[in-house]
């Protein structure tokens, strides 16, 4: 994460994206994803959701989605760090690149499936009726709507 956030001009965007890709591969492992909290990596990771460079925002959303997928401990941490509203804003932001919006939707899907507290925050942010996080058909409809909006340019 140090290389990704470094202002050092000798660390290129390509270097940072490679570091992010390596980071994403590491946190595919549940134990590594659960180490984000003790290593204090959630705050810098979530700060990347607002980075000026769209590719960094996309990689951050991808890493969040990977970390929380089928991982209640990481889902809890994302919720505690107030990451859901930032991802909703990213997924719906007009003018944001489609690939970035789609990764934000991926992260929201991973965060809210089978985890009701995150689903409640998500539906609240979207201003829609509550959805049972264990009802995959209902979740698919909600996330499908977000995916369609992401394709069209936001809201």
C-alpha atoms as a PDB file:
ATOM      1  CA  UNK A   1       0.000   0.000   0.000  1.00  0.00           C
ATOM      2  CA  UNK A   2       2.969   2.287   0.596  1.00  0.00           C
ATOM      3  CA  UNK A   3       3.979   2.139  -3.073  1.00  0.00           C
ATOM      4  CA  UNK A   4       0.396   2.704  -4.223  1.00  0.00           C
ATOM      5  CA  UNK A   5       0.016   5.865  -2.152  1.00  0.00           C
ATOM      6  CA  UNK A   6       3.556   7.135  -2.629  1.00  0.00           C
ATOM      7  CA  UNK A   7       3.943  10.640  -4.087  1.00  0.00           C
ATOM      8  CA  UNK A   8       7.415   9.625  -5.333  1.00  0.00           C
ATOM      9  CA  UNK A   9       7.450  10.454  -9.075  1.00  0.00           C
ATOM     10  CA  UNK A  10       9.788   7.525  -9.748  1.00  0.00           C
ATOM     11  CA  UNK A  11       6.906   5.165  -8.864  1.00  0.00           C
ATOM     12  CA  UNK A  12       4.830   5.235 -12.035  1.00  0.00           C
ATOM     13  CA  UNK A  13       1.111   4.621 -12.378  1.00  0.00           C
ATOM     14  CA  UNK A  14       1.996   1.287 -13.981  1.00  0.00           C
ATOM     15  CA  UNK A  15       4.075   0.396 -10.916  1.00  0.00           C
ATOM     16  CA  UNK A  16       1.197   1.345  -8.640  1.00  0.00           C
ATOM     17  CA  UNK A  17      -1.303  -0.709 -10.647  1.00  0.00           C
ATOM     18  CA  UNK A  18       1.049  -3.702 -10.557  1.00  0.00           C
ATOM     19  CA  UNK A  19       1.329  -3.318  -6.784  1.00  0.00           C
ATOM     20  CA  UNK A  20      -2.468  -3.141  -6.519  1.00  0.00           C
ATOM     21  CA  UNK A  21      -2.846  -6.250  -8.692  1.00  0.00           C
ATOM     22  CA  UNK A  22      -0.409  -8.128  -6.449  1.00  0.00           C
ATOM     23  CA  UNK A  23      -2.286  -6.875  -3.381  1.00  0.00           C
ATOM     24  CA  UNK A  24      -5.591  -8.108  -4.816  1.00  0.00           C
ATOM     25  CA  UNK A  25      -4.105 -11.552  -5.420  1.00  0.00           C
ATOM     26  CA  UNK A  26      -2.862 -11.687  -1.827  1.00  0.00           C
ATOM     27  CA  UNK A  27      -6.230 -10.838  -0.316  1.00  0.00           C
ATOM     28  CA  UNK A  28      -8.011 -13.516  -2.328  1.00  0.00           C
ATOM     29  CA  UNK A  29      -6.885 -15.676   0.602  1.00  0.00           C
ATOM     30  CA  UNK A  30      -9.366 -15.225   3.463  1.00  0.00           C
ATOM     31  CA  UNK A  31      -6.651 -15.107   6.122  1.00  0.00           C
ATOM     32  CA  UNK A  32      -4.822 -12.366   4.245  1.00  0.00           C
ATOM     33  CA  UNK A  33      -8.058 -10.420   3.748  1.00  0.00           C
ATOM     34  CA  UNK A  34      -8.704 -10.666   7.478  1.00  0.00           C
ATOM     35  CA  UNK A  35      -5.244  -9.233   8.132  1.00  0.00           C
ATOM     36  CA  UNK A  36      -6.231  -5.898   6.565  1.00  0.00           C
ATOM     37  CA  UNK A  37      -7.587  -4.759   9.920  1.00  0.00           C
ATOM     38  CA  UNK A  38      -4.639  -5.667  12.197  1.00  0.00           C
ATOM     39  CA  UNK A  39      -2.240  -4.232   9.610  1.00  0.00           C
ATOM     40  CA  UNK A  40      -4.282  -0.990   9.486  1.00  0.00           C
ATOM     41  CA  UNK A  41      -4.780  -1.267   5.726  1.00  0.00           C
ATOM     42  CA  UNK A  42      -8.526  -0.581   5.538  1.00  0.00           C
ATOM     43  CA  UNK A  43      -8.127   3.193   5.893  1.00  0.00           C
ATOM     44  CA  UNK A  44      -5.557   3.599   3.096  1.00  0.00           C
ATOM     45  CA  UNK A  45      -7.451   1.139   0.884  1.00  0.00           C
ATOM     46  CA  UNK A  46     -10.724   3.017   1.285  1.00  0.00           C
ATOM     47  CA  UNK A  47      -8.959   6.345   0.720  1.00  0.00           C
ATOM     48  CA  UNK A  48      -8.039   5.052  -2.739  1.00  0.00           C
ATOM     49  CA  UNK A  49     -11.752   4.986  -3.641  1.00  0.00           C
ATOM     50  CA  UNK A  50     -11.448   8.782  -3.922  1.00  0.00           C
ATOM     51  CA  UNK A  51      -8.056   8.883  -5.642  1.00  0.00           C
ATOM     52  CA  UNK A  52      -7.690  11.337  -8.544  1.00  0.00           C
ATOM     53  CA  UNK A  53      -6.573   8.517 -10.884  1.00  0.00           C
ATOM     54  CA  UNK A  54      -9.498   6.404 -12.124  1.00  0.00           C
ATOM     55  CA  UNK A  55      -7.412   3.237 -12.444  1.00  0.00           C
ATOM     56  CA  UNK A  56      -6.462   3.504  -8.765  1.00  0.00           C
ATOM     57  CA  UNK A  57     -10.143   3.952  -7.829  1.00  0.00           C
ATOM     58  CA  UNK A  58     -11.031   0.887  -9.897  1.00  0.00           C
ATOM     59  CA  UNK A  59      -8.317  -1.270  -8.315  1.00  0.00           C
ATOM     60  CA  UNK A  60      -9.343  -0.126  -4.832  1.00  0.00           C
ATOM     61  CA  UNK A  61     -12.951  -1.146  -5.463  1.00  0.00           C
ATOM     62  CA  UNK A  62     -11.780  -4.465  -6.870  1.00  0.00           C
ATOM     63  CA  UNK A  63      -9.664  -5.125  -3.774  1.00  0.00           C
ATOM     64  CA  UNK A  64     -12.528  -4.196  -1.455  1.00  0.00           C
ATOM     65  CA  UNK A  65     -14.821  -6.580  -3.331  1.00  0.00           C
ATOM     66  CA  UNK A  66     -12.279  -9.373  -3.138  1.00  0.00           C
ATOM     67  CA  UNK A  67     -11.612  -8.824   0.568  1.00  0.00           C
ATOM     68  CA  UNK A  68     -15.281  -8.911   1.588  1.00  0.00           C
ATOM     69  CA  UNK A  69     -16.525 -11.671  -0.712  1.00  0.00           C
ATOM     70  CA  UNK A  70     -17.914 -14.496   1.444  1.00  0.00           C
ATOM     71  CA  UNK A  71     -16.006 -13.034   4.398  1.00  0.00           C
ATOM     72  CA  UNK A  72     -18.181 -11.808   7.250  1.00  0.00           C
ATOM     73  CA  UNK A  73     -15.241 -10.460   9.263  1.00  0.00           C
ATOM     74  CA  UNK A  74     -14.170  -8.214   6.377  1.00  0.00           C
ATOM     75  CA  UNK A  75     -17.790  -7.311   5.604  1.00  0.00           C
ATOM     76  CA  UNK A  76     -18.127  -6.133   9.214  1.00  0.00           C
ATOM     77  CA  UNK A  77     -14.950  -4.079   8.917  1.00  0.00           C
ATOM     78  CA  UNK A  78     -16.026  -2.424   5.660  1.00  0.00           C
ATOM     79  CA  UNK A  79     -19.322  -1.505   7.274  1.00  0.00           C
ATOM     80  CA  UNK A  80     -17.596  -0.139  10.395  1.00  0.00           C
ATOM     81  CA  UNK A  81     -15.270   1.939   8.202  1.00  0.00           C
ATOM     82  CA  UNK A  82     -18.303   3.450   6.406  1.00  0.00           C
ATOM     83  CA  UNK A  83     -17.194   2.022   3.063  1.00  0.00           C
ATOM     84  CA  UNK A  84     -20.663   1.272   1.672  1.00  0.00           C
ATOM     85  CA  UNK A  85     -21.669   4.932   1.099  1.00  0.00           C
ATOM     86  CA  UNK A  86     -18.375   5.634  -0.689  1.00  0.00           C
ATOM     87  CA  UNK A  87     -18.919   2.641  -2.978  1.00  0.00           C
ATOM     88  CA  UNK A  88     -22.526   3.651  -3.706  1.00  0.00           C
ATOM     89  CA  UNK A  89     -21.368   7.159  -4.574  1.00  0.00           C
ATOM     90  CA  UNK A  90     -18.691   5.717  -6.863  1.00  0.00           C
ATOM     91  CA  UNK A  91     -21.126   3.312  -8.540  1.00  0.00           C
ATOM     92  CA  UNK A  92     -23.590   6.125  -9.273  1.00  0.00           C
ATOM     93  CA  UNK A  93     -21.204   8.983 -10.034  1.00  0.00           C
ATOM     94  CA  UNK A  94     -21.975  10.701 -13.312  1.00  0.00           C
ATOM     95  CA  UNK A  95     -18.872  11.148 -15.396  1.00  0.00           C
ATOM     96  CA  UNK A  96     -17.094   8.230 -13.723  1.00  0.00           C
ATOM     97  CA  UNK A  97     -15.644   5.648 -16.087  1.00  0.00           C
ATOM     98  CA  UNK A  98     -17.878   2.632 -16.587  1.00  0.00           C
ATOM     99  CA  UNK A  99     -15.145   0.190 -15.533  1.00  0.00           C
ATOM    100  CA  UNK A 100     -14.780   2.026 -12.213  1.00  0.00           C
ATOM    101  CA  UNK A 101     -18.537   2.071 -11.598  1.00  0.00           C
ATOM    102  CA  UNK A 102     -18.734  -1.657 -12.396  1.00  0.00           C
ATOM    103  CA  UNK A 103     -15.985  -2.511  -9.887  1.00  0.00           C
ATOM    104  CA  UNK A 104     -17.836  -0.479  -7.264  1.00  0.00           C
ATOM    105  CA  UNK A 105     -20.959  -2.544  -8.001  1.00  0.00           C
ATOM    106  CA  UNK A 106     -18.887  -5.727  -7.662  1.00  0.00           C
ATOM    107  CA  UNK A 107     -17.676  -4.549  -4.256  1.00  0.00           C
ATOM    108  CA  UNK A 108     -21.222  -3.670  -3.157  1.00  0.00           C
ATOM    109  CA  UNK A 109     -22.473  -7.061  -4.291  1.00  0.00           C
ATOM    110  CA  UNK A 110     -19.716  -8.850  -2.371  1.00  0.00           C
ATOM    111  CA  UNK A 111     -20.263  -6.686   0.709  1.00  0.00           C
ATOM    112  CA  UNK A 112     -24.024  -7.132   0.939  1.00  0.00           C
ATOM    113  CA  UNK A 113     -24.707 -10.736  -0.086  1.00  0.00           C
ATOM    114  CA  UNK A 114     -25.568 -12.806   2.968  1.00  0.00           C
ATOM    115  CA  UNK A 115     -24.685  -9.906   5.274  1.00  0.00           C
ATOM    116  CA  UNK A 116     -27.826  -8.067   6.333  1.00  0.00           C
ATOM    117  CA  UNK A 117     -26.213  -5.067   8.087  1.00  0.00           C
ATOM    118  CA  UNK A 118     -24.401  -4.076   4.865  1.00  0.00           C
ATOM    119  CA  UNK A 119     -27.524  -4.741   2.800  1.00  0.00           C
ATOM    120  CA  UNK A 120     -29.513  -2.445   5.087  1.00  0.00           C
ATOM    121  CA  UNK A 121     -26.986   0.362   4.606  1.00  0.00           C
ATOM    122  CA  UNK A 122     -26.916  -0.266   0.846  1.00  0.00           C
ATOM    123  CA  UNK A 123     -30.697  -0.116   0.449  1.00  0.00           C
ATOM    124  CA  UNK A 124     -30.771   2.979   2.663  1.00  0.00           C
ATOM    125  CA  UNK A 125     -28.151   4.696   0.496  1.00  0.00           C
ATOM    126  CA  UNK A 126     -30.087   3.763  -2.641  1.00  0.00           C
ATOM    127  CA  UNK A 127     -33.401   4.868  -1.152  1.00  0.00           C
ATOM    128  CA  UNK A 128     -35.102   1.558  -1.934  1.00  0.00           C
ATOM    129  CA  UNK A 129     -37.066  -0.948   0.124  1.00  0.00           C
ATOM    130  CA  UNK A 130     -35.095  -3.271   2.355  1.00  0.00           C
ATOM    131  CA  UNK A 131     -33.936  -6.542   0.803  1.00  0.00           C
ATOM    132  CA  UNK A 132     -33.238  -9.829   2.569  1.00  0.00           C
ATOM    133  CA  UNK A 133     -29.486 -10.349   2.083  1.00  0.00           C
ATOM    134  CA  UNK A 134     -30.015 -14.125   2.048  1.00  0.00           C
ATOM    135  CA  UNK A 135     -32.608 -13.950  -0.762  1.00  0.00           C
ATOM    136  CA  UNK A 136     -30.309 -14.287  -3.767  1.00  0.00           C
ATOM    137  CA  UNK A 137     -33.092 -13.569  -6.266  1.00  0.00           C
ATOM    138  CA  UNK A 138     -33.924 -10.275  -4.556  1.00  0.00           C
ATOM    139  CA  UNK A 139     -30.228  -9.415  -4.197  1.00  0.00           C
ATOM    140  CA  UNK A 140     -29.684 -10.195  -7.884  1.00  0.00           C
ATOM    141  CA  UNK A 141     -32.488  -7.791  -8.846  1.00  0.00           C
ATOM    142  CA  UNK A 142     -31.013  -5.011  -6.698  1.00  0.00           C
ATOM    143  CA  UNK A 143     -27.426  -5.536  -7.885  1.00  0.00           C
ATOM    144  CA  UNK A 144     -28.612  -6.024 -11.471  1.00  0.00           C
ATOM    145  CA  UNK A 145     -30.224  -2.590 -11.337  1.00  0.00           C
ATOM    146  CA  UNK A 146     -26.956  -1.090 -10.124  1.00  0.00           C
ATOM    147  CA  UNK A 147     -25.053  -2.865 -12.920  1.00  0.00           C
ATOM    148  CA  UNK A 148     -27.432  -1.491 -15.538  1.00  0.00           C
ATOM    149  CA  UNK A 149     -27.097   2.013 -14.126  1.00  0.00           C
ATOM    150  CA  UNK A 150     -23.300   1.627 -14.157  1.00  0.00           C
ATOM    151  CA  UNK A 151     -23.410   0.740 -17.856  1.00  0.00           C
ATOM    152  CA  UNK A 152     -25.525   3.795 -18.642  1.00  0.00           C
ATOM    153  CA  UNK A 153     -23.343   6.301 -16.851  1.00  0.00           C
ATOM    154  CA  UNK A 154     -24.446   6.382 -13.255  1.00  0.00           C
ATOM    155  CA  UNK A 155     -27.780   7.103 -11.673  1.00  0.00           C
END
